[in-house]
Amino acid sequence: MRKSFGLSLPCQKHIKTCIICLVAFFVIESILFNTIFLYIIWNLRASFNDVIKAPGETFLDKLAVNPFFASLVYSGKEGGFAKLLENTVGRVYIESIENYNVKRSRKGVSHIRDSSSNSRHTINRLGVDVSSSGETMYILERIHNLGVNRTNWEKLVIDIGANDGLLSSNSYNFIRWGWSAILVEPQSYQLDIAKRNLHGYIKQHIDQKVYFVNAVLSNYDGTAKFKLSSDIVAMESHVITDPREPGVVTEIRCYSVKTFATKFNVPTNFGILSIDAEGLGSTILHQWIRLGYRPMYIIHEDLHDPEDVLETTRKLKIAGYDFLTKRGWNNIYEYNPRNS
């Protein structure tokens, strides 16, 4: 068999076919890209000509009578501009961290200099709210604007349905700010990702404690049948009650709220309770309330929940909670002891 450059003829033919396919792909892609680009330019040119020819003395006058521009402004005034700001610059914050220079003694022991000296310095850094619909910044602003604590609540966030601890997380930013946290997630591989995502932020000071719990919460102790979803974007894995439900099902540890709270020594008053439990949300939430726990803020996703959100809000009102807003699928409540 003839060989060229040490390659057999069949091998050469395969390489030649691959090269032809690659060239054809890039040529077709280039043609499509240029066609789309020229189409956009042509339409922009036509739109621009319409604006130029429109009646009016100034360019703004001409824009004002343009149907496309008018509909754009109308959509913006109807909430589009506010939503755009909320999901862009509204998620960005500047964080200031005060620190002290460290002086090393002859024995090699580090000492922090006296705060009255000029050794103090500030580190400023940009941060981004990673929660699904801006829940983190909304609650943070509420905390700051209140000015005083309504209760002696601890800086603890309990995140039930924490997933990977980053994407759409209601706990990630608070943990970075030094809060303690308990992340509950039944999918072990997602919990492992959460540990990696939060590595370096879980022991920032002596009082910060972050726990990762591979389990589900319900109204009993034992095990639960858990259906794993193949869609990592929708994130809709859930506890099943019908054993005939198709799909990949596994058994997972299940805690009642009473057992869970006792196990992790949860204080009566703490910062945030976030629940994304795919149908078990109200079951879990009402246990916390009946047991006397009063988180300062509750983030409750009502998607797939059998209890109507108006009924949930009514029950929480009796327990002292004001309904604040709905962000995406999440309802946010704030504790006000004057209502209880």
C-alpha atoms as a PDB file:
ATOM      1  CA  MET A   1       0.000   0.000   0.000  1.00  0.00           C
ATOM      2  CA  ARG A   2       1.328   3.406  -0.993  1.00  0.00           C
ATOM      3  CA  LYS A   3       2.188   5.768   1.831  1.00  0.00           C
ATOM      4  CA  SER A   4       2.802   9.510   1.923  1.00  0.00           C
ATOM      5  CA  PHE A   5       4.381  11.221   4.972  1.00  0.00           C
ATOM      6  CA  GLY A   6       4.122   7.869   6.728  1.00  0.00           C
ATOM      7  CA  LEU A   7       0.312   7.708   6.287  1.00  0.00           C
ATOM      8  CA  SER A   8      -1.602   5.012   4.444  1.00  0.00           C
ATOM      9  CA  LEU A   9      -3.950   5.940   1.584  1.00  0.00           C
ATOM     10  CA  PRO A  10      -7.172   5.294   3.600  1.00  0.00           C
ATOM     11  CA  CYS A  11      -5.835   7.518   6.374  1.00  0.00           C
ATOM     12  CA  GLN A  12      -4.955  10.256   3.882  1.00  0.00           C
ATOM     13  CA  LYS A  13      -8.465  10.068   2.420  1.00  0.00           C
ATOM     14  CA  HIS A  14     -10.005  10.489   5.883  1.00  0.00           C
ATOM     15  CA  ILE A  15      -7.806  13.494   6.620  1.00  0.00           C
ATOM     16  CA  LYS A  16      -8.652  15.025   3.229  1.00  0.00           C
ATOM     17  CA  THR A  17     -12.388  14.504   3.893  1.00  0.00           C
ATOM     18  CA  CYS A  18     -12.076  16.157   7.321  1.00  0.00           C
ATOM     19  CA  ILE A  19     -10.256  19.149   5.833  1.00  0.00           C
ATOM     20  CA  ILE A  20     -12.879  19.544   3.103  1.00  0.00           C
ATOM     21  CA  CYS A  21     -15.656  19.372   5.714  1.00  0.00           C
ATOM     22  CA  LEU A  22     -13.938  22.001   7.888  1.00  0.00           C
ATOM     23  CA  VAL A  23     -13.415  24.342   4.943  1.00  0.00           C
ATOM     24  CA  ALA A  24     -17.025  23.871   3.833  1.00  0.00           C
ATOM     25  CA  PHE A  25     -18.229  24.548   7.365  1.00  0.00           C
ATOM     26  CA  PHE A  26     -16.289  27.801   7.655  1.00  0.00           C
ATOM     27  CA  VAL A  27     -17.381  28.945   4.182  1.00  0.00           C
ATOM     28  CA  ILE A  28     -21.059  28.279   4.973  1.00  0.00           C
ATOM     29  CA  GLU A  29     -20.712  29.921   8.390  1.00  0.00           C
ATOM     30  CA  SER A  30     -19.075  32.967   6.782  1.00  0.00           C
ATOM     31  CA  ILE A  31     -21.853  33.257   4.194  1.00  0.00           C
ATOM     32  CA  LEU A  32     -24.578  32.980   6.859  1.00  0.00           C
ATOM     33  CA  PHE A  33     -22.865  35.472   9.163  1.00  0.00           C
ATOM     34  CA  ASN A  34     -22.385  38.026   6.397  1.00  0.00           C
ATOM     35  CA  THR A  35     -25.951  37.551   5.153  1.00  0.00           C
ATOM     36  CA  ILE A  36     -27.360  38.171   8.635  1.00  0.00           C
ATOM     37  CA  PHE A  37     -25.014  41.124   9.177  1.00  0.00           C
ATOM     38  CA  LEU A  38     -26.005  42.738   5.854  1.00  0.00           C
ATOM     39  CA  TYR A  39     -29.682  42.133   6.614  1.00  0.00           C
ATOM     40  CA  ILE A  40     -29.344  43.926   9.964  1.00  0.00           C
ATOM     41  CA  ILE A  41     -27.437  46.828   8.388  1.00  0.00           C
ATOM     42  CA  TRP A  42     -30.060  47.154   5.623  1.00  0.00           C
ATOM     43  CA  ASN A  43     -32.914  47.249   8.140  1.00  0.00           C
ATOM     44  CA  LEU A  44     -31.100  49.753  10.344  1.00  0.00           C
ATOM     45  CA  ARG A  45     -30.473  51.911   7.283  1.00  0.00           C
ATOM     46  CA  ALA A  46     -34.159  51.740   6.343  1.00  0.00           C
ATOM     47  CA  SER A  47     -35.194  52.594   9.915  1.00  0.00           C
ATOM     48  CA  PHE A  48     -32.732  55.474  10.050  1.00  0.00           C
ATOM     49  CA  ASN A  49     -34.069  56.843   6.764  1.00  0.00           C
ATOM     50  CA  ASP A  50     -37.594  56.676   8.176  1.00  0.00           C
ATOM     51  CA  VAL A  51     -36.461  58.723  11.165  1.00  0.00           C
ATOM     52  CA  ILE A  52     -34.663  61.297   8.998  1.00  0.00           C
ATOM     53  CA  LYS A  53     -37.700  61.747   6.748  1.00  0.00           C
ATOM     54  CA  ALA A  54     -40.160  61.982   9.648  1.00  0.00           C
ATOM     55  CA  PRO A  55     -41.716  65.408  10.444  1.00  0.00           C
ATOM     56  CA  GLY A  56     -40.156  67.454  13.218  1.00  0.00           C
ATOM     57  CA  GLU A  57     -37.576  70.168  13.744  1.00  0.00           C
ATOM     58  CA  THR A  58     -35.114  68.238  15.909  1.00  0.00           C
ATOM     59  CA  PHE A  59     -33.848  64.666  15.839  1.00  0.00           C
ATOM     60  CA  LEU A  60     -35.737  63.931  19.083  1.00  0.00           C
ATOM     61  CA  ASP A  61     -38.940  65.217  17.499  1.00  0.00           C
ATOM     62  CA  LYS A  62     -38.410  62.843  14.601  1.00  0.00           C
ATOM     63  CA  LEU A  63     -37.733  59.923  16.989  1.00  0.00           C
ATOM     64  CA  ALA A  64     -40.883  60.696  18.948  1.00  0.00           C
ATOM     65  CA  VAL A  65     -43.142  59.949  15.961  1.00  0.00           C
ATOM     66  CA  ASN A  66     -41.254  56.788  14.987  1.00  0.00           C
ATOM     67  CA  PRO A  67     -43.444  53.730  15.814  1.00  0.00           C
ATOM     68  CA  PHE A  68     -40.533  51.483  16.816  1.00  0.00           C
ATOM     69  CA  PHE A  69     -38.943  54.090  19.095  1.00  0.00           C
ATOM     70  CA  ALA A  70     -42.334  54.985  20.587  1.00  0.00           C
ATOM     71  CA  SER A  71     -43.090  51.320  21.393  1.00  0.00           C
ATOM     72  CA  LEU A  72     -39.608  50.945  22.916  1.00  0.00           C
ATOM     73  CA  VAL A  73     -40.144  53.950  25.197  1.00  0.00           C
ATOM     74  CA  TYR A  74     -43.629  52.722  26.093  1.00  0.00           C
ATOM     75  CA  SER A  75     -42.281  49.287  27.065  1.00  0.00           C
ATOM     76  CA  GLY A  76     -39.540  50.940  29.099  1.00  0.00           C
ATOM     77  CA  LYS A  77     -41.995  53.121  31.002  1.00  0.00           C
ATOM     78  CA  GLU A  78     -44.188  50.106  31.691  1.00  0.00           C
ATOM     79  CA  GLY A  79     -41.381  48.576  33.751  1.00  0.00           C
ATOM     80  CA  GLY A  80     -38.784  47.593  31.182  1.00  0.00           C
ATOM     81  CA  PHE A  81     -36.262  50.279  32.163  1.00  0.00           C
ATOM     82  CA  ALA A  82     -36.652  49.523  35.871  1.00  0.00           C
ATOM     83  CA  LYS A  83     -36.235  45.801  35.222  1.00  0.00           C
ATOM     84  CA  LEU A  84     -33.147  46.441  33.111  1.00  0.00           C
ATOM     85  CA  LEU A  85     -31.526  48.535  35.847  1.00  0.00           C
ATOM     86  CA  GLU A  86     -32.556  46.044  38.514  1.00  0.00           C
ATOM     87  CA  ASN A  87     -30.901  43.133  36.728  1.00  0.00           C
ATOM     88  CA  THR A  88     -27.719  44.969  35.678  1.00  0.00           C
ATOM     89  CA  VAL A  89     -26.308  47.809  37.778  1.00  0.00           C
ATOM     90  CA  GLY A  90     -28.793  46.991  40.548  1.00  0.00           C
ATOM     91  CA  ARG A  91     -26.928  43.740  41.194  1.00  0.00           C
ATOM     92  CA  VAL A  92     -23.506  45.354  41.533  1.00  0.00           C
ATOM     93  CA  TYR A  93     -22.209  46.593  44.888  1.00  0.00           C
ATOM     94  CA  ILE A  94     -18.965  47.904  46.347  1.00  0.00           C
ATOM     95  CA  GLU A  95     -17.774  46.086  49.442  1.00  0.00           C
ATOM     96  CA  SER A  96     -15.390  47.731  51.903  1.00  0.00           C
ATOM     97  CA  ILE A  97     -13.238  45.558  54.159  1.00  0.00           C
ATOM     98  CA  GLU A  98     -11.252  47.148  56.967  1.00  0.00           C
ATOM     99  CA  ASN A  99      -8.015  45.451  57.953  1.00  0.00           C
ATOM    100  CA  TYR A 100      -4.867  46.093  59.945  1.00  0.00           C
ATOM    101  CA  ASN A 101      -1.224  45.755  59.038  1.00  0.00           C
ATOM    102  CA  VAL A 102       0.486  42.883  60.817  1.00  0.00           C
ATOM    103  CA  LYS A 103       3.739  43.411  62.676  1.00  0.00           C
ATOM    104  CA  ARG A 104       6.056  40.443  63.147  1.00  0.00           C
ATOM    105  CA  SER A 105       8.032  40.194  66.390  1.00  0.00           C
ATOM    106  CA  ARG A 106      11.523  38.781  66.787  1.00  0.00           C
ATOM    107  CA  LYS A 107      10.056  35.474  67.907  1.00  0.00           C
ATOM    108  CA  GLY A 108       8.106  35.209  64.669  1.00  0.00           C
ATOM    109  CA  VAL A 109       4.709  35.728  66.332  1.00  0.00           C
ATOM    110  CA  SER A 110       2.347  38.031  64.475  1.00  0.00           C
ATOM    111  CA  HIS A 111       0.630  40.839  66.358  1.00  0.00           C
ATOM    112  CA  ILE A 112      -2.078  43.174  65.139  1.00  0.00           C
ATOM    113  CA  ARG A 113      -1.078  46.737  65.793  1.00  0.00           C
ATOM    114  CA  ASP A 114      -3.148  48.991  67.988  1.00  0.00           C
ATOM    115  CA  SER A 115      -6.197  50.406  66.186  1.00  0.00           C
ATOM    116  CA  SER A 116      -5.207  53.931  67.218  1.00  0.00           C
ATOM    117  CA  SER A 117      -2.162  53.762  64.950  1.00  0.00           C
ATOM    118  CA  ASN A 118      -2.220  54.623  61.269  1.00  0.00           C
ATOM    119  CA  SER A 119      -1.881  50.977  60.255  1.00  0.00           C
ATOM    120  CA  ARG A 120      -5.541  50.490  59.413  1.00  0.00           C
ATOM    121  CA  HIS A 121      -6.374  50.222  55.718  1.00  0.00           C
ATOM    122  CA  THR A 122      -9.495  49.523  53.678  1.00  0.00           C
ATOM    123  CA  ILE A 123      -9.925  47.086  50.826  1.00  0.00           C
ATOM    124  CA  ASN A 124     -12.666  47.939  48.314  1.00  0.00           C
ATOM    125  CA  ARG A 125     -13.920  45.353  45.855  1.00  0.00           C
ATOM    126  CA  LEU A 126     -16.814  44.916  43.454  1.00  0.00           C
ATOM    127  CA  GLY A 127     -19.400  42.235  44.070  1.00  0.00           C
ATOM    128  CA  VAL A 128     -22.404  40.873  42.176  1.00  0.00           C
ATOM    129  CA  ASP A 129     -25.710  39.665  43.583  1.00  0.00           C
ATOM    130  CA  VAL A 130     -26.010  36.083  42.260  1.00  0.00           C
ATOM    131  CA  SER A 131     -29.563  35.429  43.487  1.00  0.00           C
ATOM    132  CA  SER A 132     -32.198  34.555  40.911  1.00  0.00           C
ATOM    133  CA  SER A 133     -34.144  37.827  40.875  1.00  0.00           C
ATOM    134  CA  GLY A 134     -32.138  40.206  43.051  1.00  0.00           C
ATOM    135  CA  GLU A 135     -33.442  38.860  46.373  1.00  0.00           C
ATOM    136  CA  THR A 136     -30.082  39.357  48.086  1.00  0.00           C
ATOM    137  CA  MET A 137     -29.718  43.076  47.377  1.00  0.00           C
ATOM    138  CA  TYR A 138     -33.385  43.659  48.158  1.00  0.00           C
ATOM    139  CA  ILE A 139     -33.046  42.105  51.625  1.00  0.00           C
ATOM    140  CA  LEU A 140     -29.673  43.745  52.282  1.00  0.00           C
ATOM    141  CA  GLU A 141     -31.157  47.172  51.559  1.00  0.00           C
ATOM    142  CA  ARG A 142     -34.080  46.406  53.880  1.00  0.00           C
ATOM    143  CA  ILE A 143     -31.664  45.459  56.672  1.00  0.00           C
ATOM    144  CA  HIS A 144     -29.674  48.666  56.222  1.00  0.00           C
ATOM    145  CA  ASN A 145     -32.715  50.907  55.863  1.00  0.00           C
ATOM    146  CA  LEU A 146     -34.371  49.596  59.036  1.00  0.00           C
ATOM    147  CA  GLY A 147     -31.499  51.086  61.009  1.00  0.00           C
ATOM    148  CA  VAL A 148     -32.262  49.023  64.133  1.00  0.00           C
ATOM    149  CA  ASN A 149     -32.769  45.326  64.771  1.00  0.00           C
ATOM    150  CA  ARG A 150     -36.358  44.323  65.440  1.00  0.00           C
ATOM    151  CA  THR A 151     -35.085  41.241  67.240  1.00  0.00           C
ATOM    152  CA  ASN A 152     -31.701  40.014  68.405  1.00  0.00           C
ATOM    153  CA  TRP A 153     -31.401  37.766  65.388  1.00  0.00           C
ATOM    154  CA  GLU A 154     -28.198  35.931  64.468  1.00  0.00           C
ATOM    155  CA  LYS A 155     -26.523  36.340  61.097  1.00  0.00           C
ATOM    156  CA  LEU A 156     -27.517  32.900  59.878  1.00  0.00           C
ATOM    157  CA  VAL A 157     -29.058  31.901  56.551  1.00  0.00           C
ATOM    158  CA  ILE A 158     -30.722  28.510  56.170  1.00  0.00           C
ATOM    159  CA  ASP A 159     -30.904  27.619  52.479  1.00  0.00           C
ATOM    160  CA  ILE A 160     -33.220  24.656  51.825  1.00  0.00           C
ATOM    161  CA  GLY A 161     -32.717  23.560  48.235  1.00  0.00           C
ATOM    162  CA  ALA A 162     -29.298  25.192  47.957  1.00  0.00           C
ATOM    163  CA  ASN A 163     -28.338  23.417  44.722  1.00  0.00           C
ATOM    164  CA  ASP A 164     -24.745  24.345  43.741  1.00  0.00           C
ATOM    165  CA  GLY A 165     -24.524  27.218  46.235  1.00  0.00           C
ATOM    166  CA  LEU A 166     -23.863  29.786  43.508  1.00  0.00           C
ATOM    167  CA  LEU A 167     -26.277  30.000  40.559  1.00  0.00           C
ATOM    168  CA  SER A 168     -29.478  31.718  41.723  1.00  0.00           C
ATOM    169  CA  SER A 169     -28.292  31.247  45.302  1.00  0.00           C
ATOM    170  CA  ASN A 170     -29.968  33.104  48.179  1.00  0.00           C
ATOM    171  CA  SER A 171     -27.086  32.306  50.529  1.00  0.00           C
ATOM    172  CA  TYR A 172     -23.845  32.761  48.544  1.00  0.00           C
ATOM    173  CA  ASN A 173     -23.461  36.522  49.001  1.00  0.00           C
ATOM    174  CA  PHE A 174     -24.349  36.417  52.689  1.00  0.00           C
ATOM    175  CA  ILE A 175     -21.759  33.703  53.301  1.00  0.00           C
ATOM    176  CA  ARG A 176     -19.163  35.871  51.539  1.00  0.00           C
ATOM    177  CA  TRP A 177     -20.139  38.684  53.908  1.00  0.00           C
ATOM    178  CA  GLY A 178     -19.322  36.467  56.876  1.00  0.00           C
ATOM    179  CA  TRP A 179     -22.733  35.055  57.763  1.00  0.00           C
ATOM    180  CA  SER A 180     -23.103  31.529  59.067  1.00  0.00           C
ATOM    181  CA  ALA A 181     -25.163  29.162  56.918  1.00  0.00           C
ATOM    182  CA  ILE A 182     -26.768  25.740  56.675  1.00  0.00           C
ATOM    183  CA  LEU A 183     -27.084  24.571  53.078  1.00  0.00           C
ATOM    184  CA  VAL A 184     -29.521  21.694  52.557  1.00  0.00           C
ATOM    185  CA  GLU A 185     -29.360  19.887  49.206  1.00  0.00           C
ATOM    186  CA  PRO A 186     -30.479  16.306  48.447  1.00  0.00           C
ATOM    187  CA  GLN A 187     -28.303  15.945  45.320  1.00  0.00           C
ATOM    188  CA  SER A 188     -24.846  15.013  46.588  1.00  0.00           C
ATOM    189  CA  TYR A 189     -23.024  16.032  43.416  1.00  0.00           C
ATOM    190  CA  GLN A 190     -24.601  19.513  43.584  1.00  0.00           C
ATOM    191  CA  LEU A 191     -23.616  19.779  47.244  1.00  0.00           C
ATOM    192  CA  ASP A 192     -20.016  18.899  46.318  1.00  0.00           C
ATOM    193  CA  ILE A 193     -20.062  21.741  43.771  1.00  0.00           C
ATOM    194  CA  ALA A 194     -21.431  24.070  46.470  1.00  0.00           C
ATOM    195  CA  LYS A 195     -18.505  23.170  48.731  1.00  0.00           C
ATOM    196  CA  ARG A 196     -16.067  24.068  45.951  1.00  0.00           C
ATOM    197  CA  ASN A 197     -17.917  27.283  45.102  1.00  0.00           C
ATOM    198  CA  LEU A 198     -17.775  28.422  48.723  1.00  0.00           C
ATOM    199  CA  HIS A 199     -14.255  27.243  49.436  1.00  0.00           C
ATOM    200  CA  GLY A 200     -12.365  30.077  51.099  1.00  0.00           C
ATOM    201  CA  TYR A 201     -15.455  31.836  52.451  1.00  0.00           C
ATOM    202  CA  ILE A 202     -16.613  29.423  55.146  1.00  0.00           C
ATOM    203  CA  LYS A 203     -14.134  30.177  57.950  1.00  0.00           C
ATOM    204  CA  GLN A 204     -13.615  33.920  57.676  1.00  0.00           C
ATOM    205  CA  HIS A 205     -13.915  34.471  61.440  1.00  0.00           C
ATOM    206  CA  ILE A 206     -14.249  32.407  64.594  1.00  0.00           C
ATOM    207  CA  ASP A 207     -18.054  32.734  64.805  1.00  0.00           C
ATOM    208  CA  GLN A 208     -18.820  31.795  61.204  1.00  0.00           C
ATOM    209  CA  LYS A 209     -20.056  28.232  60.747  1.00  0.00           C
ATOM    210  CA  VAL A 210     -21.177  26.791  57.410  1.00  0.00           C
ATOM    211  CA  TYR A 211     -22.743  23.335  57.198  1.00  0.00           C
ATOM    212  CA  PHE A 212     -23.504  21.299  54.072  1.00  0.00           C
ATOM    213  CA  VAL A 213     -26.348  18.833  54.594  1.00  0.00           C
ATOM    214  CA  ASN A 214     -27.136  16.090  52.080  1.00  0.00           C
ATOM    215  CA  ALA A 215     -30.808  15.518  52.924  1.00  0.00           C
ATOM    216  CA  VAL A 216     -34.363  16.713  52.436  1.00  0.00           C
ATOM    217  CA  LEU A 217     -36.676  18.325  54.977  1.00  0.00           C
ATOM    218  CA  SER A 218     -40.254  17.195  55.422  1.00  0.00           C
ATOM    219  CA  ASN A 219     -42.639  16.479  58.317  1.00  0.00           C
ATOM    220  CA  TYR A 220     -41.035  13.195  59.434  1.00  0.00           C
ATOM    221  CA  ASP A 221     -37.652  11.565  60.131  1.00  0.00           C
ATOM    222  CA  GLY A 222     -36.350   8.690  58.038  1.00  0.00           C
ATOM    223  CA  THR A 223     -35.792   8.408  54.309  1.00  0.00           C
ATOM    224  CA  ALA A 224     -37.565   9.809  51.263  1.00  0.00           C
ATOM    225  CA  LYS A 225     -37.871   8.754  47.624  1.00  0.00           C
ATOM    226  CA  PHE A 226     -36.177  11.423  45.546  1.00  0.00           C
ATOM    227  CA  LYS A 227     -36.475  11.781  41.768  1.00  0.00           C
ATOM    228  CA  LEU A 228     -33.371  13.084  40.025  1.00  0.00           C
ATOM    229  CA  SER A 229     -33.969  15.463  37.133  1.00  0.00           C
ATOM    230  CA  SER A 230     -31.646  15.332  34.137  1.00  0.00           C
ATOM    231  CA  ASP A 231     -32.257  19.041  33.481  1.00  0.00           C
ATOM    232  CA  ILE A 232     -29.569  20.887  35.451  1.00  0.00           C
ATOM    233  CA  VAL A 233     -30.945  24.246  34.303  1.00  0.00           C
ATOM    234  CA  ALA A 234     -34.560  23.797  35.422  1.00  0.00           C
ATOM    235  CA  MET A 235     -33.339  22.223  38.700  1.00  0.00           C
ATOM    236  CA  GLU A 236     -36.618  20.416  39.376  1.00  0.00           C
ATOM    237  CA  SER A 237     -35.536  17.237  41.148  1.00  0.00           C
ATOM    238  CA  HIS A 238     -38.088  16.513  43.863  1.00  0.00           C
ATOM    239  CA  VAL A 239     -39.424  14.162  46.529  1.00  0.00           C
ATOM    240  CA  ILE A 240     -42.039  11.761  45.140  1.00  0.00           C
ATOM    241  CA  THR A 241     -45.058  10.248  46.841  1.00  0.00           C
ATOM    242  CA  ASP A 242     -46.132   7.974  43.991  1.00  0.00           C
ATOM    243  CA  PRO A 243     -43.625   5.093  43.578  1.00  0.00           C
ATOM    244  CA  ARG A 244     -44.901   4.569  40.024  1.00  0.00           C
ATOM    245  CA  GLU A 245     -43.635   7.974  38.883  1.00  0.00           C
ATOM    246  CA  PRO A 246     -41.115   7.353  36.057  1.00  0.00           C
ATOM    247  CA  GLY A 247     -37.522   8.478  36.199  1.00  0.00           C
ATOM    248  CA  VAL A 248     -34.351   7.895  38.164  1.00  0.00           C
ATOM    249  CA  VAL A 249     -35.308   7.574  41.838  1.00  0.00           C
ATOM    250  CA  THR A 250     -33.000   7.318  44.828  1.00  0.00           C
ATOM    251  CA  GLU A 251     -33.417   7.205  48.598  1.00  0.00           C
ATOM    252  CA  ILE A 252     -32.225  10.185  50.602  1.00  0.00           C
ATOM    253  CA  ARG A 253     -32.049  11.039  54.314  1.00  0.00           C
ATOM    254  CA  CYS A 254     -35.098  12.978  55.542  1.00  0.00           C
ATOM    255  CA  TYR A 255     -35.319  15.243  58.607  1.00  0.00           C
ATOM    256  CA  SER A 256     -38.325  16.816  60.258  1.00  0.00           C
ATOM    257  CA  VAL A 257     -37.769  20.512  60.987  1.00  0.00           C
ATOM    258  CA  LYS A 258     -37.727  19.804  64.730  1.00  0.00           C
ATOM    259  CA  THR A 259     -34.946  17.211  64.411  1.00  0.00           C
ATOM    260  CA  PHE A 260     -33.009  19.354  61.948  1.00  0.00           C
ATOM    261  CA  ALA A 261     -33.196  22.502  64.089  1.00  0.00           C
ATOM    262  CA  THR A 262     -32.125  20.582  67.195  1.00  0.00           C
ATOM    263  CA  LYS A 263     -29.271  18.840  65.380  1.00  0.00           C
ATOM    264  CA  PHE A 264     -27.779  22.124  64.174  1.00  0.00           C
ATOM    265  CA  ASN A 265     -28.720  24.170  67.241  1.00  0.00           C
ATOM    266  CA  VAL A 266     -30.705  26.718  65.222  1.00  0.00           C
ATOM    267  CA  PRO A 267     -31.500  29.873  67.258  1.00  0.00           C
ATOM    268  CA  THR A 268     -35.086  31.061  67.594  1.00  0.00           C
ATOM    269  CA  ASN A 269     -34.324  34.332  65.810  1.00  0.00           C
ATOM    270  CA  PHE A 270     -32.040  34.189  62.796  1.00  0.00           C
ATOM    271  CA  GLY A 271     -31.542  36.155  59.598  1.00  0.00           C
ATOM    272  CA  ILE A 272     -32.953  34.349  56.563  1.00  0.00           C
ATOM    273  CA  LEU A 273     -34.922  31.186  55.841  1.00  0.00           C
ATOM    274  CA  SER A 274     -34.886  30.382  52.117  1.00  0.00           C
ATOM    275  CA  ILE A 275     -37.062  27.495  50.906  1.00  0.00           C
ATOM    276  CA  ASP A 276     -36.994  26.035  47.389  1.00  0.00           C
ATOM    277  CA  ALA A 277     -38.353  22.538  47.975  1.00  0.00           C
ATOM    278  CA  GLU A 278     -40.361  21.798  44.791  1.00  0.00           C
ATOM    279  CA  GLY A 279     -43.774  21.213  46.352  1.00  0.00           C
ATOM    280  CA  LEU A 280     -42.814  20.772  50.007  1.00  0.00           C
ATOM    281  CA  GLY A 281     -42.237  24.474  50.705  1.00  0.00           C
ATOM    282  CA  SER A 282     -45.351  25.250  52.748  1.00  0.00           C
ATOM    283  CA  THR A 283     -45.074  21.938  54.647  1.00  0.00           C
ATOM    284  CA  ILE A 284     -41.547  22.865  55.738  1.00  0.00           C
ATOM    285  CA  LEU A 285     -42.285  26.543  56.326  1.00  0.00           C
ATOM    286  CA  HIS A 286     -45.239  26.056  58.681  1.00  0.00           C
ATOM    287  CA  GLN A 287     -43.223  23.637  60.839  1.00  0.00           C
ATOM    288  CA  TRP A 288     -40.658  26.351  61.505  1.00  0.00           C
ATOM    289  CA  ILE A 289     -43.407  28.773  62.507  1.00  0.00           C
ATOM    290  CA  ARG A 290     -45.295  26.282  64.704  1.00  0.00           C
ATOM    291  CA  LEU A 291     -42.077  25.412  66.532  1.00  0.00           C
ATOM    292  CA  GLY A 292     -41.609  29.083  67.433  1.00  0.00           C
ATOM    293  CA  TYR A 293     -38.764  29.991  65.078  1.00  0.00           C
ATOM    294  CA  ARG A 294     -38.864  33.522  63.703  1.00  0.00           C
ATOM    295  CA  PRO A 295     -36.388  34.221  60.922  1.00  0.00           C
ATOM    296  CA  MET A 296     -36.155  37.938  60.118  1.00  0.00           C
ATOM    297  CA  TYR A 297     -36.755  37.234  56.420  1.00  0.00           C
ATOM    298  CA  ILE A 298     -38.437  34.341  54.628  1.00  0.00           C
ATOM    299  CA  ILE A 299     -37.836  33.623  50.945  1.00  0.00           C
ATOM    300  CA  HIS A 300     -40.440  31.114  49.797  1.00  0.00           C
ATOM    301  CA  GLU A 301     -40.715  29.710  46.278  1.00  0.00           C
ATOM    302  CA  ASP A 302     -44.357  28.819  45.644  1.00  0.00           C
ATOM    303  CA  LEU A 303     -43.778  26.964  42.356  1.00  0.00           C
ATOM    304  CA  HIS A 304     -45.423  23.487  42.503  1.00  0.00           C
ATOM    305  CA  ASP A 305     -46.603  24.177  46.072  1.00  0.00           C
ATOM    306  CA  PRO A 306     -50.067  22.698  46.746  1.00  0.00           C
ATOM    307  CA  GLU A 307     -50.956  25.531  49.144  1.00  0.00           C
ATOM    308  CA  ASP A 308     -52.179  28.756  47.567  1.00  0.00           C
ATOM    309  CA  VAL A 309     -49.766  31.621  48.179  1.00  0.00           C
ATOM    310  CA  LEU A 310     -52.593  33.781  49.576  1.00  0.00           C
ATOM    311  CA  GLU A 311     -53.226  31.146  52.253  1.00  0.00           C
ATOM    312  CA  THR A 312     -49.512  30.974  53.037  1.00  0.00           C
ATOM    313  CA  THR A 313     -49.407  34.770  53.341  1.00  0.00           C
ATOM    314  CA  ARG A 314     -52.473  34.754  55.619  1.00  0.00           C
ATOM    315  CA  LYS A 315     -50.892  32.222  57.986  1.00  0.00           C
ATOM    316  CA  LEU A 316     -47.606  34.110  58.059  1.00  0.00           C
ATOM    317  CA  LYS A 317     -49.457  37.366  58.793  1.00  0.00           C
ATOM    318  CA  ILE A 318     -50.888  35.775  61.944  1.00  0.00           C
ATOM    319  CA  ALA A 319     -47.335  34.786  62.938  1.00  0.00           C
ATOM    320  CA  GLY A 320     -46.135  38.391  62.568  1.00  0.00           C
ATOM    321  CA  TYR A 321     -44.899  38.559  58.983  1.00  0.00           C
ATOM    322  CA  ASP A 322     -45.457  41.278  56.410  1.00  0.00           C
ATOM    323  CA  PHE A 323     -45.498  40.313  52.748  1.00  0.00           C
ATOM    324  CA  LEU A 324     -42.943  42.566  51.028  1.00  0.00           C
ATOM    325  CA  THR A 325     -42.686  41.589  47.379  1.00  0.00           C
ATOM    326  CA  LYS A 326     -42.454  38.801  44.855  1.00  0.00           C
ATOM    327  CA  ARG A 327     -39.194  38.396  42.949  1.00  0.00           C
ATOM    328  CA  GLY A 328     -39.404  35.840  40.164  1.00  0.00           C
ATOM    329  CA  TRP A 329     -40.969  32.770  41.799  1.00  0.00           C
ATOM    330  CA  ASN A 330     -39.924  33.863  45.285  1.00  0.00           C
ATOM    331  CA  ASN A 331     -42.181  35.554  47.828  1.00  0.00           C
ATOM    332  CA  ILE A 332     -40.319  37.609  50.440  1.00  0.00           C
ATOM    333  CA  TYR A 333     -41.677  38.147  53.965  1.00  0.00           C
ATOM    334  CA  GLU A 334     -40.307  40.259  56.817  1.00  0.00           C
ATOM    335  CA  TYR A 335     -40.870  39.610  60.511  1.00  0.00           C
ATOM    336  CA  ASN A 336     -42.498  42.413  62.478  1.00  0.00           C
ATOM    337  CA  PRO A 337     -43.217  41.433  66.119  1.00  0.00           C
ATOM    338  CA  ARG A 338     -45.788  44.213  66.401  1.00  0.00           C
ATOM    339  CA  ASN A 339     -48.020  42.177  64.076  1.00  0.00           C
ATOM    340  CA  SER A 340     -47.881  38.981  66.120  1.00  0.00           C
END
